Amino acid sequence: MLDAAEQLIQQNGYNGFSYDDISRQVGLKKPSIHHHFQTKSGLVSMVVERYSFRFKNLLEEIDLKNLSAVDKLNGYIKLFSKTYDTNRRLCVCGMLGAESDILPQEIVIAVGQFFELNQNWLAKIIEFGVKSKEFKLNLNPSKEALYLLSSLEGAMVVGRGVGSDDTLRDVAQTAFKSIVSV
């Protein structure tokens, strides 16, 4: 159920799916889904929590590898590419962030925490890259991190909007080159 809900959020957003859609995907009747998740907001909260937990674990895996800052940043960008390369799916939190005005507050808070996690992690990698002389700094690390995160999230949306498989890659390369010292 969570996998189906995640996929539907990535493709259609919060208001773009129903328990009926999940029912068709997983082969369960709607009452069975309601038994596990009484409300749609409860279901979506669980999807965001799980998505954020998995993403945090992937960032920790990157951290544990003895990689250069450039390689860590490339690893981060690949996380977005892997998501987008699957039928132009968007980041769960990117999709929900665009809908934050209509979402229950608990989901808005969880989405904000996901972005904060990403921005803080990127700022740490950028600081590491500056110290190792791999990156040049145009702004402070937190603002550079926000720029990179926003570029990747936005590129997914624009790429889908224009029907391009290349937009994310092109934007990621441009953003990457803006901070990497060469």
N, C-alpha and C. Protein backbone atom coordinates (compact mmCIF):
# COMPACT_ATOMS: atom_id res chain seq x y z
N MET A 1 0.82 -1.20 0.00
CA MET A 1 0.00 0.00 0.00
C MET A 1 0.86 1.26 0.00
N LEU A 2 1.92 1.25 0.82
CA LEU A 2 2.78 2.42 0.88
C LEU A 2 3.52 2.64 -0.43
N ASP A 3 3.98 1.54 -1.05
CA ASP A 3 4.65 1.67 -2.34
C ASP A 3 3.71 2.26 -3.39
N ALA A 4 2.50 1.77 -3.42
CA ALA A 4 1.51 2.28 -4.38
C ALA A 4 1.21 3.74 -4.12
N ALA A 5 1.02 4.10 -2.86
CA ALA A 5 0.74 5.50 -2.51
C ALA A 5 1.91 6.39 -2.88
N GLU A 6 3.13 5.92 -2.61
CA GLU A 6 4.32 6.71 -2.96
C GLU A 6 4.37 6.97 -4.46
N GLN A 7 4.18 5.93 -5.23
CA GLN A 7 4.21 6.08 -6.69
C GLN A 7 3.12 7.04 -7.16
N LEU A 8 1.95 6.93 -6.61
CA LEU A 8 0.85 7.82 -7.01
C LEU A 8 1.12 9.27 -6.62
N ILE A 9 1.72 9.48 -5.46
CA ILE A 9 2.09 10.85 -5.06
C ILE A 9 3.13 11.39 -6.02
N GLN A 10 4.13 10.58 -6.36
CA GLN A 10 5.19 11.03 -7.26
C GLN A 10 4.64 11.38 -8.64
N GLN A 11 3.61 10.71 -9.05
CA GLN A 11 3.05 10.95 -10.37
C GLN A 11 1.94 11.99 -10.38
N ASN A 12 1.12 12.02 -9.32
CA ASN A 12 -0.10 12.82 -9.36
C ASN A 12 -0.28 13.80 -8.22
N GLY A 13 0.53 13.71 -7.18
CA GLY A 13 0.37 14.59 -6.04
C GLY A 13 -0.68 14.11 -5.06
N TYR A 14 -0.90 14.89 -4.03
CA TYR A 14 -1.81 14.53 -2.94
C TYR A 14 -3.25 14.37 -3.42
N ASN A 15 -3.73 15.33 -4.15
CA ASN A 15 -5.13 15.27 -4.60
C ASN A 15 -5.32 14.47 -5.88
N GLY A 16 -4.25 13.93 -6.41
CA GLY A 16 -4.34 13.21 -7.67
C GLY A 16 -4.50 11.71 -7.52
N PHE A 17 -4.80 11.25 -6.31
CA PHE A 17 -5.04 9.82 -6.14
C PHE A 17 -6.05 9.60 -5.01
N SER A 18 -6.61 8.41 -5.03
CA SER A 18 -7.60 8.04 -4.01
C SER A 18 -7.31 6.62 -3.53
N TYR A 19 -8.03 6.21 -2.51
CA TYR A 19 -7.92 4.83 -2.05
C TYR A 19 -8.35 3.86 -3.14
N ASP A 20 -9.23 4.32 -4.01
CA ASP A 20 -9.66 3.50 -5.14
C ASP A 20 -8.47 3.17 -6.05
N ASP A 21 -7.61 4.18 -6.30
CA ASP A 21 -6.42 3.96 -7.13
C ASP A 21 -5.48 2.95 -6.47
N ILE A 22 -5.28 3.10 -5.18
CA ILE A 22 -4.42 2.16 -4.45
C ILE A 22 -5.03 0.77 -4.50
N SER A 23 -6.32 0.69 -4.30
CA SER A 23 -7.03 -0.59 -4.33
C SER A 23 -6.78 -1.33 -5.64
N ARG A 24 -6.87 -0.60 -6.74
CA ARG A 24 -6.64 -1.22 -8.06
C ARG A 24 -5.19 -1.68 -8.20
N GLN A 25 -4.24 -0.91 -7.68
CA GLN A 25 -2.83 -1.27 -7.84
C GLN A 25 -2.42 -2.47 -7.00
N VAL A 26 -2.94 -2.55 -5.79
CA VAL A 26 -2.48 -3.61 -4.89
C VAL A 26 -3.44 -4.79 -4.79
N GLY A 27 -4.62 -4.66 -5.38
CA GLY A 27 -5.57 -5.76 -5.38
C GLY A 27 -6.31 -5.97 -4.07
N LEU A 28 -6.42 -4.91 -3.28
CA LEU A 28 -7.19 -4.97 -2.03
C LEU A 28 -8.45 -4.13 -2.17
N LYS A 29 -9.44 -4.49 -1.41
CA LYS A 29 -10.66 -3.68 -1.39
C LYS A 29 -10.42 -2.45 -0.52
N LYS A 30 -11.14 -1.38 -0.84
CA LYS A 30 -10.97 -0.12 -0.09
C LYS A 30 -11.13 -0.27 1.41
N PRO A 31 -12.08 -1.07 1.90
CA PRO A 31 -12.19 -1.21 3.36
C PRO A 31 -10.91 -1.76 4.01
N SER A 32 -10.20 -2.62 3.29
CA SER A 32 -8.94 -3.15 3.82
C SER A 32 -7.90 -2.04 3.96
N ILE A 33 -7.87 -1.15 3.00
CA ILE A 33 -6.94 -0.02 3.06
C ILE A 33 -7.33 0.90 4.21
N HIS A 34 -8.61 1.17 4.33
CA HIS A 34 -9.10 2.02 5.43
C HIS A 34 -8.81 1.39 6.80
N HIS A 35 -8.77 0.08 6.85
CA HIS A 35 -8.44 -0.59 8.11
C HIS A 35 -7.02 -0.22 8.56
N HIS A 36 -6.10 -0.15 7.60
CA HIS A 36 -4.70 0.18 7.92
C HIS A 36 -4.48 1.69 8.05
N PHE A 37 -5.14 2.45 7.22
CA PHE A 37 -4.99 3.91 7.20
C PHE A 37 -6.38 4.54 7.16
N GLN A 38 -6.82 5.00 8.30
CA GLN A 38 -8.19 5.53 8.40
C GLN A 38 -8.36 6.81 7.59
N THR A 39 -7.27 7.57 7.44
CA THR A 39 -7.36 8.83 6.69
C THR A 39 -6.27 8.89 5.63
N LYS A 40 -6.54 9.62 4.60
CA LYS A 40 -5.55 9.82 3.55
C LYS A 40 -4.34 10.56 4.11
N SER A 41 -4.57 11.53 4.98
CA SER A 41 -3.44 12.27 5.55
C SER A 41 -2.55 11.34 6.38
N GLY A 42 -3.14 10.38 7.07
CA GLY A 42 -2.35 9.40 7.81
C GLY A 42 -1.50 8.54 6.89
N LEU A 43 -2.08 8.13 5.79
CA LEU A 43 -1.35 7.35 4.79
C LEU A 43 -0.20 8.17 4.21
N VAL A 44 -0.49 9.40 3.80
CA VAL A 44 0.54 10.24 3.18
C VAL A 44 1.63 10.58 4.19
N SER A 45 1.26 10.81 5.44
CA SER A 45 2.27 11.06 6.48
C SER A 45 3.22 9.88 6.61
N MET A 46 2.68 8.68 6.56
CA MET A 46 3.51 7.48 6.64
C MET A 46 4.42 7.36 5.42
N VAL A 47 3.90 7.70 4.24
CA VAL A 47 4.72 7.66 3.03
C VAL A 47 5.88 8.65 3.16
N VAL A 48 5.60 9.86 3.61
CA VAL A 48 6.64 10.88 3.76
C VAL A 48 7.67 10.43 4.79
N GLU A 49 7.20 9.89 5.90
CA GLU A 49 8.12 9.42 6.95
C GLU A 49 9.04 8.33 6.41
N ARG A 50 8.48 7.38 5.69
CA ARG A 50 9.27 6.28 5.13
C ARG A 50 10.23 6.78 4.06
N TYR A 51 9.75 7.66 3.19
CA TYR A 51 10.58 8.21 2.12
C TYR A 51 11.76 8.98 2.71
N SER A 52 11.48 9.80 3.71
CA SER A 52 12.53 10.59 4.36
C SER A 52 13.54 9.70 5.07
N PHE A 53 13.06 8.66 5.74
CA PHE A 53 13.93 7.72 6.43
C PHE A 53 14.87 7.03 5.44
N ARG A 54 14.31 6.56 4.34
CA ARG A 54 15.14 5.89 3.32
C ARG A 54 16.14 6.86 2.72
N PHE A 55 15.70 8.09 2.45
CA PHE A 55 16.61 9.08 1.86
C PHE A 55 17.74 9.40 2.83
N LYS A 56 17.41 9.56 4.10
CA LYS A 56 18.42 9.82 5.13
C LYS A 56 19.43 8.67 5.17
N ASN A 57 18.96 7.45 5.08
CA ASN A 57 19.86 6.29 5.06
C ASN A 57 20.78 6.31 3.85
N LEU A 58 20.26 6.72 2.71
CA LEU A 58 21.09 6.82 1.51
C LEU A 58 22.16 7.89 1.67
N LEU A 59 21.81 9.00 2.30
CA LEU A 59 22.80 10.04 2.57
C LEU A 59 23.87 9.53 3.53
N GLU A 60 23.46 8.77 4.53
CA GLU A 60 24.42 8.19 5.47
C GLU A 60 25.34 7.20 4.78
N GLU A 61 24.81 6.44 3.82
CA GLU A 61 25.65 5.52 3.05
C GLU A 61 26.71 6.29 2.27
N ILE A 62 26.31 7.40 1.67
CA ILE A 62 27.28 8.23 0.95
C ILE A 62 28.33 8.74 1.92
N ASP A 63 27.91 9.18 3.10
CA ASP A 63 28.84 9.70 4.11
C ASP A 63 29.85 8.65 4.55
N LEU A 64 29.41 7.41 4.68
CA LEU A 64 30.28 6.35 5.19
C LEU A 64 31.37 5.96 4.21
N LYS A 65 31.16 6.23 2.95
CA LYS A 65 32.17 5.92 1.95
C LYS A 65 33.26 6.99 2.01
N ASN A 66 34.47 6.57 1.82
CA ASN A 66 35.60 7.50 1.85
C ASN A 66 35.72 8.17 0.47
N LEU A 67 34.80 9.09 0.22
CA LEU A 67 34.72 9.74 -1.08
C LEU A 67 35.14 11.20 -0.99
N SER A 68 35.55 11.73 -2.11
CA SER A 68 35.81 13.16 -2.19
C SER A 68 34.47 13.90 -2.13
N ALA A 69 34.54 15.19 -1.90
CA ALA A 69 33.31 16.00 -1.88
C ALA A 69 32.62 15.95 -3.25
N VAL A 70 33.40 15.96 -4.30
CA VAL A 70 32.85 15.89 -5.66
C VAL A 70 32.07 14.58 -5.83
N ASP A 71 32.66 13.48 -5.39
CA ASP A 71 31.99 12.18 -5.53
C ASP A 71 30.74 12.09 -4.64
N LYS A 72 30.80 12.69 -3.46
CA LYS A 72 29.63 12.71 -2.58
C LYS A 72 28.49 13.49 -3.25
N LEU A 73 28.84 14.63 -3.83
CA LEU A 73 27.83 15.44 -4.51
C LEU A 73 27.27 14.70 -5.72
N ASN A 74 28.12 14.02 -6.46
CA ASN A 74 27.64 13.21 -7.58
C ASN A 74 26.72 12.10 -7.10
N GLY A 75 27.05 11.49 -5.97
CA GLY A 75 26.19 10.46 -5.40
C GLY A 75 24.82 11.02 -5.04
N TYR A 76 24.80 12.23 -4.51
CA TYR A 76 23.54 12.89 -4.17
C TYR A 76 22.71 13.14 -5.42
N ILE A 77 23.33 13.67 -6.44
CA ILE A 77 22.62 13.95 -7.69
C ILE A 77 22.04 12.66 -8.29
N LYS A 78 22.78 11.57 -8.15
CA LYS A 78 22.29 10.28 -8.68
C LYS A 78 21.01 9.83 -7.98
N LEU A 79 20.83 10.21 -6.72
CA LEU A 79 19.59 9.86 -6.03
C LEU A 79 18.39 10.49 -6.73
N PHE A 80 18.55 11.72 -7.18
CA PHE A 80 17.47 12.40 -7.90
C PHE A 80 17.27 11.77 -9.28
N SER A 81 18.38 11.47 -9.94
CA SER A 81 18.29 10.86 -11.28
C SER A 81 17.59 9.51 -11.22
N LYS A 82 17.91 8.73 -10.20
CA LYS A 82 17.28 7.41 -10.07
C LYS A 82 15.76 7.55 -9.94
N THR A 83 15.33 8.52 -9.17
CA THR A 83 13.89 8.74 -9.01
C THR A 83 13.27 9.20 -10.33
N TYR A 84 13.87 10.20 -10.95
CA TYR A 84 13.30 10.80 -12.16
C TYR A 84 13.34 9.83 -13.34
N ASP A 85 14.37 9.01 -13.40
CA ASP A 85 14.51 8.08 -14.53
C ASP A 85 13.44 6.99 -14.53
N THR A 86 12.71 6.87 -13.44
CA THR A 86 11.60 5.91 -13.37
C THR A 86 10.32 6.64 -13.77
N ASN A 87 10.04 6.66 -15.05
CA ASN A 87 8.81 7.28 -15.58
C ASN A 87 8.65 8.75 -15.19
N ARG A 88 9.76 9.46 -15.11
CA ARG A 88 9.75 10.89 -14.74
C ARG A 88 9.03 11.13 -13.42
N ARG A 89 9.27 10.24 -12.49
CA ARG A 89 8.70 10.44 -11.15
C ARG A 89 9.40 11.60 -10.47
N LEU A 90 8.65 12.31 -9.66
CA LEU A 90 9.20 13.42 -8.89
C LEU A 90 9.49 12.95 -7.48
N CYS A 91 10.32 13.70 -6.80
CA CYS A 91 10.57 13.47 -5.38
C CYS A 91 9.24 13.61 -4.64
N VAL A 92 8.94 12.68 -3.75
CA VAL A 92 7.69 12.73 -2.99
C VAL A 92 7.53 14.09 -2.31
N CYS A 93 8.59 14.54 -1.66
CA CYS A 93 8.49 15.80 -0.91
C CYS A 93 8.49 17.01 -1.83
N GLY A 94 9.12 16.90 -2.98
CA GLY A 94 9.04 17.99 -3.96
C GLY A 94 7.62 18.15 -4.47
N MET A 95 6.99 17.03 -4.77
CA MET A 95 5.61 17.07 -5.25
C MET A 95 4.68 17.61 -4.17
N LEU A 96 4.84 17.12 -2.95
CA LEU A 96 3.98 17.57 -1.86
C LEU A 96 4.28 19.02 -1.46
N GLY A 97 5.54 19.41 -1.57
CA GLY A 97 5.91 20.79 -1.25
C GLY A 97 5.17 21.78 -2.14
N ALA A 98 4.98 21.40 -3.39
CA ALA A 98 4.25 22.27 -4.32
C ALA A 98 2.78 22.41 -3.93
N GLU A 99 2.29 21.46 -3.16
CA GLU A 99 0.88 21.46 -2.75
C GLU A 99 0.70 21.88 -1.29
N SER A 100 1.72 22.43 -0.68
CA SER A 100 1.70 22.65 0.78
C SER A 100 0.55 23.53 1.25
N ASP A 101 0.04 24.39 0.41
CA ASP A 101 -1.08 25.25 0.82
C ASP A 101 -2.36 24.47 1.10
N ILE A 102 -2.47 23.28 0.55
CA ILE A 102 -3.70 22.50 0.72
C ILE A 102 -3.52 21.27 1.60
N LEU A 103 -2.31 21.06 2.10
CA LEU A 103 -2.02 19.84 2.86
C LEU A 103 -2.27 20.01 4.35
N PRO A 104 -2.57 18.92 5.03
CA PRO A 104 -2.64 18.97 6.49
C PRO A 104 -1.28 19.39 7.07
N GLN A 105 -1.33 20.11 8.17
CA GLN A 105 -0.11 20.68 8.76
C GLN A 105 0.94 19.62 9.07
N GLU A 106 0.53 18.44 9.52
CA GLU A 106 1.51 17.40 9.86
C GLU A 106 2.34 17.00 8.65
N ILE A 107 1.74 17.00 7.47
CA ILE A 107 2.48 16.65 6.25
C ILE A 107 3.39 17.80 5.86
N VAL A 108 2.91 19.03 5.95
CA VAL A 108 3.72 20.21 5.63
C VAL A 108 4.98 20.22 6.50
N ILE A 109 4.83 19.93 7.78
CA ILE A 109 5.98 19.91 8.70
C ILE A 109 6.97 18.82 8.29
N ALA A 110 6.47 17.63 7.98
CA ALA A 110 7.34 16.52 7.59
C ALA A 110 8.08 16.82 6.29
N VAL A 111 7.40 17.45 5.35
CA VAL A 111 8.03 17.83 4.08
C VAL A 111 9.13 18.86 4.34
N GLY A 112 8.84 19.84 5.19
CA GLY A 112 9.84 20.83 5.54
C GLY A 112 11.07 20.21 6.19
N GLN A 113 10.85 19.21 7.03
CA GLN A 113 11.97 18.51 7.67
C GLN A 113 12.82 17.76 6.65
N PHE A 114 12.18 17.20 5.63
CA PHE A 114 12.92 16.53 4.57
C PHE A 114 13.84 17.52 3.86
N PHE A 115 13.31 18.68 3.52
CA PHE A 115 14.12 19.68 2.83
C PHE A 115 15.24 20.20 3.73
N GLU A 116 14.94 20.36 5.01
CA GLU A 116 15.96 20.81 5.96
C GLU A 116 17.09 19.79 6.07
N LEU A 117 16.73 18.51 6.13
CA LEU A 117 17.72 17.44 6.16
C LEU A 117 18.64 17.54 4.94
N ASN A 118 18.04 17.70 3.78
CA ASN A 118 18.81 17.78 2.54
C ASN A 118 19.70 19.01 2.51
N GLN A 119 19.16 20.15 2.87
CA GLN A 119 19.95 21.38 2.84
C GLN A 119 21.12 21.28 3.82
N ASN A 120 20.88 20.78 5.01
CA ASN A 120 21.96 20.65 5.99
C ASN A 120 23.03 19.67 5.52
N TRP A 121 22.61 18.56 4.92
CA TRP A 121 23.58 17.58 4.43
C TRP A 121 24.41 18.19 3.30
N LEU A 122 23.75 18.84 2.37
CA LEU A 122 24.48 19.47 1.27
C LEU A 122 25.43 20.55 1.77
N ALA A 123 25.01 21.35 2.72
CA ALA A 123 25.88 22.40 3.27
C ALA A 123 27.13 21.78 3.88
N LYS A 124 26.96 20.66 4.56
CA LYS A 124 28.11 19.96 5.16
C LYS A 124 29.07 19.47 4.07
N ILE A 125 28.53 18.93 2.99
CA ILE A 125 29.37 18.44 1.89
C ILE A 125 30.06 19.61 1.20
N ILE A 126 29.35 20.70 1.04
CA ILE A 126 29.95 21.89 0.41
C ILE A 126 31.08 22.43 1.28
N GLU A 127 30.87 22.50 2.59
CA GLU A 127 31.95 22.95 3.49
C GLU A 127 33.16 22.03 3.38
N PHE A 128 32.91 20.72 3.33
CA PHE A 128 33.98 19.74 3.16
C PHE A 128 34.71 19.99 1.83
N GLY A 129 33.96 20.26 0.78
CA GLY A 129 34.55 20.52 -0.52
C GLY A 129 35.35 21.80 -0.57
N VAL A 130 34.92 22.81 0.15
CA VAL A 130 35.68 24.07 0.22
C VAL A 130 36.99 23.83 0.95
N LYS A 131 36.93 23.11 2.07
CA LYS A 131 38.15 22.83 2.85
C LYS A 131 39.14 21.99 2.06
N SER A 132 38.63 21.07 1.23
CA SER A 132 39.50 20.22 0.43
C SER A 132 39.86 20.87 -0.91
N LYS A 133 39.43 22.10 -1.10
CA LYS A 133 39.70 22.90 -2.30
C LYS A 133 39.10 22.30 -3.58
N GLU A 134 38.05 21.51 -3.40
CA GLU A 134 37.33 20.96 -4.55
C GLU A 134 36.24 21.91 -5.02
N PHE A 135 35.71 22.70 -4.10
CA PHE A 135 34.60 23.61 -4.40
C PHE A 135 35.03 25.04 -4.15
N LYS A 136 34.47 25.92 -4.96
CA LYS A 136 34.60 27.35 -4.70
C LYS A 136 33.26 27.81 -4.15
N LEU A 137 33.30 28.84 -3.36
CA LEU A 137 32.07 29.28 -2.72
C LEU A 137 31.63 30.61 -3.30
N ASN A 138 30.43 30.63 -3.86
CA ASN A 138 29.84 31.88 -4.35
C ASN A 138 28.98 32.51 -3.27
N LEU A 139 28.36 31.69 -2.45
CA LEU A 139 27.50 32.13 -1.35
C LEU A 139 27.94 31.36 -0.12
N ASN A 140 27.23 31.50 0.98
CA ASN A 140 27.58 30.66 2.13
C ASN A 140 27.09 29.24 1.85
N PRO A 141 27.66 28.24 2.54
CA PRO A 141 27.32 26.84 2.24
C PRO A 141 25.82 26.54 2.30
N SER A 142 25.12 27.13 3.25
CA SER A 142 23.68 26.88 3.37
C SER A 142 22.91 27.40 2.15
N LYS A 143 23.29 28.57 1.66
CA LYS A 143 22.62 29.12 0.47
C LYS A 143 23.00 28.34 -0.79
N GLU A 144 24.25 27.91 -0.89
CA GLU A 144 24.66 27.07 -2.02
C GLU A 144 23.86 25.76 -2.00
N ALA A 145 23.69 25.21 -0.80
CA ALA A 145 22.94 23.96 -0.65
C ALA A 145 21.49 24.16 -1.08
N LEU A 146 20.90 25.26 -0.65
CA LEU A 146 19.51 25.56 -1.03
C LEU A 146 19.40 25.74 -2.55
N TYR A 147 20.38 26.40 -3.14
CA TYR A 147 20.41 26.59 -4.60
C TYR A 147 20.45 25.23 -5.30
N LEU A 148 21.33 24.35 -4.86
CA LEU A 148 21.46 23.05 -5.50
C LEU A 148 20.19 22.21 -5.32
N LEU A 149 19.69 22.16 -4.11
CA LEU A 149 18.46 21.40 -3.83
C LEU A 149 17.30 21.93 -4.66
N SER A 150 17.13 23.23 -4.68
CA SER A 150 16.03 23.85 -5.45
C SER A 150 16.20 23.60 -6.94
N SER A 151 17.43 23.64 -7.41
CA SER A 151 17.69 23.38 -8.83
C SER A 151 17.29 21.96 -9.22
N LEU A 152 17.65 21.00 -8.39
CA LEU A 152 17.32 19.60 -8.69
C LEU A 152 15.82 19.34 -8.62
N GLU A 153 15.20 19.84 -7.55
CA GLU A 153 13.74 19.65 -7.42
C GLU A 153 13.01 20.33 -8.57
N GLY A 154 13.40 21.55 -8.88
CA GLY A 154 12.77 22.30 -9.97
C GLY A 154 12.99 21.67 -11.33
N ALA A 155 14.18 21.13 -11.54
CA ALA A 155 14.49 20.50 -12.82
C ALA A 155 13.60 19.28 -13.07
N MET A 156 13.27 18.58 -12.01
CA MET A 156 12.37 17.43 -12.17
C MET A 156 10.99 17.90 -12.64
N VAL A 157 10.50 18.96 -12.04
CA VAL A 157 9.18 19.49 -12.39
C VAL A 157 9.19 20.03 -13.82
N VAL A 158 10.18 20.84 -14.14
CA VAL A 158 10.26 21.43 -15.48
C VAL A 158 10.47 20.33 -16.52
N GLY A 159 11.34 19.38 -16.22
CA GLY A 159 11.59 18.28 -17.16
C GLY A 159 10.32 17.52 -17.49
N ARG A 160 9.55 17.25 -16.46
CA ARG A 160 8.28 16.56 -16.70
C ARG A 160 7.35 17.45 -17.51
N GLY A 161 7.32 18.73 -17.18
CA GLY A 161 6.42 19.66 -17.87
C GLY A 161 6.72 19.82 -19.35
N VAL A 162 7.99 19.73 -19.70
CA VAL A 162 8.36 19.87 -21.12
C VAL A 162 8.58 18.51 -21.78
N GLY A 163 8.38 17.44 -21.02
CA GLY A 163 8.52 16.10 -21.58
C GLY A 163 9.94 15.72 -21.90
N SER A 164 10.88 16.18 -21.08
CA SER A 164 12.30 15.94 -21.35
C SER A 164 12.92 14.99 -20.34
N ASP A 165 13.68 14.05 -20.85
CA ASP A 165 14.46 13.18 -19.98
C ASP A 165 15.81 13.80 -19.64
N ASP A 166 16.18 14.88 -20.30
CA ASP A 166 17.50 15.48 -20.14
C ASP A 166 17.56 16.68 -19.21
N THR A 167 16.43 17.26 -18.88
CA THR A 167 16.42 18.50 -18.10
C THR A 167 17.12 18.34 -16.76
N LEU A 168 16.81 17.29 -16.03
CA LEU A 168 17.44 17.10 -14.72
C LEU A 168 18.95 16.98 -14.86
N ARG A 169 19.39 16.17 -15.79
CA ARG A 169 20.84 16.00 -16.00
C ARG A 169 21.49 17.32 -16.36
N ASP A 170 20.89 18.07 -17.28
CA ASP A 170 21.47 19.34 -17.72
C ASP A 170 21.54 20.35 -16.58
N VAL A 171 20.47 20.47 -15.81
CA VAL A 171 20.46 21.41 -14.69
C VAL A 171 21.44 20.96 -13.61
N ALA A 172 21.48 19.66 -13.34
CA ALA A 172 22.42 19.14 -12.33
C ALA A 172 23.86 19.45 -12.72
N GLN A 173 24.19 19.27 -13.99
CA GLN A 173 25.55 19.57 -14.46
C GLN A 173 25.87 21.05 -14.31
N THR A 174 24.93 21.90 -14.65
CA THR A 174 25.15 23.34 -14.53
C THR A 174 25.32 23.76 -13.08
N ALA A 175 24.46 23.27 -12.21
CA ALA A 175 24.56 23.60 -10.78
C ALA A 175 25.86 23.05 -10.20
N PHE A 176 26.21 21.85 -10.58
CA PHE A 176 27.44 21.21 -10.12
C PHE A 176 28.65 22.05 -10.52
N LYS A 177 28.69 22.45 -11.78
CA LYS A 177 29.82 23.24 -12.28
C LYS A 177 29.92 24.60 -11.60
N SER A 178 28.81 25.10 -11.10
CA SER A 178 28.85 26.42 -10.47
C SER A 178 29.58 26.41 -9.14
N ILE A 179 29.72 25.24 -8.51
CA ILE A 179 30.42 25.22 -7.23
C ILE A 179 31.72 24.42 -7.25
N VAL A 180 31.92 23.58 -8.26
CA VAL A 180 33.13 22.77 -8.30
C VAL A 180 34.28 23.58 -8.88
N SER A 181 35.39 23.61 -8.16
CA SER A 181 36.58 24.30 -8.64
C SER A 181 37.25 23.44 -9.70
N VAL A 182 37.57 24.06 -10.81
CA VAL A 182 38.27 23.32 -11.86
C VAL A 182 39.45 24.12 -12.34
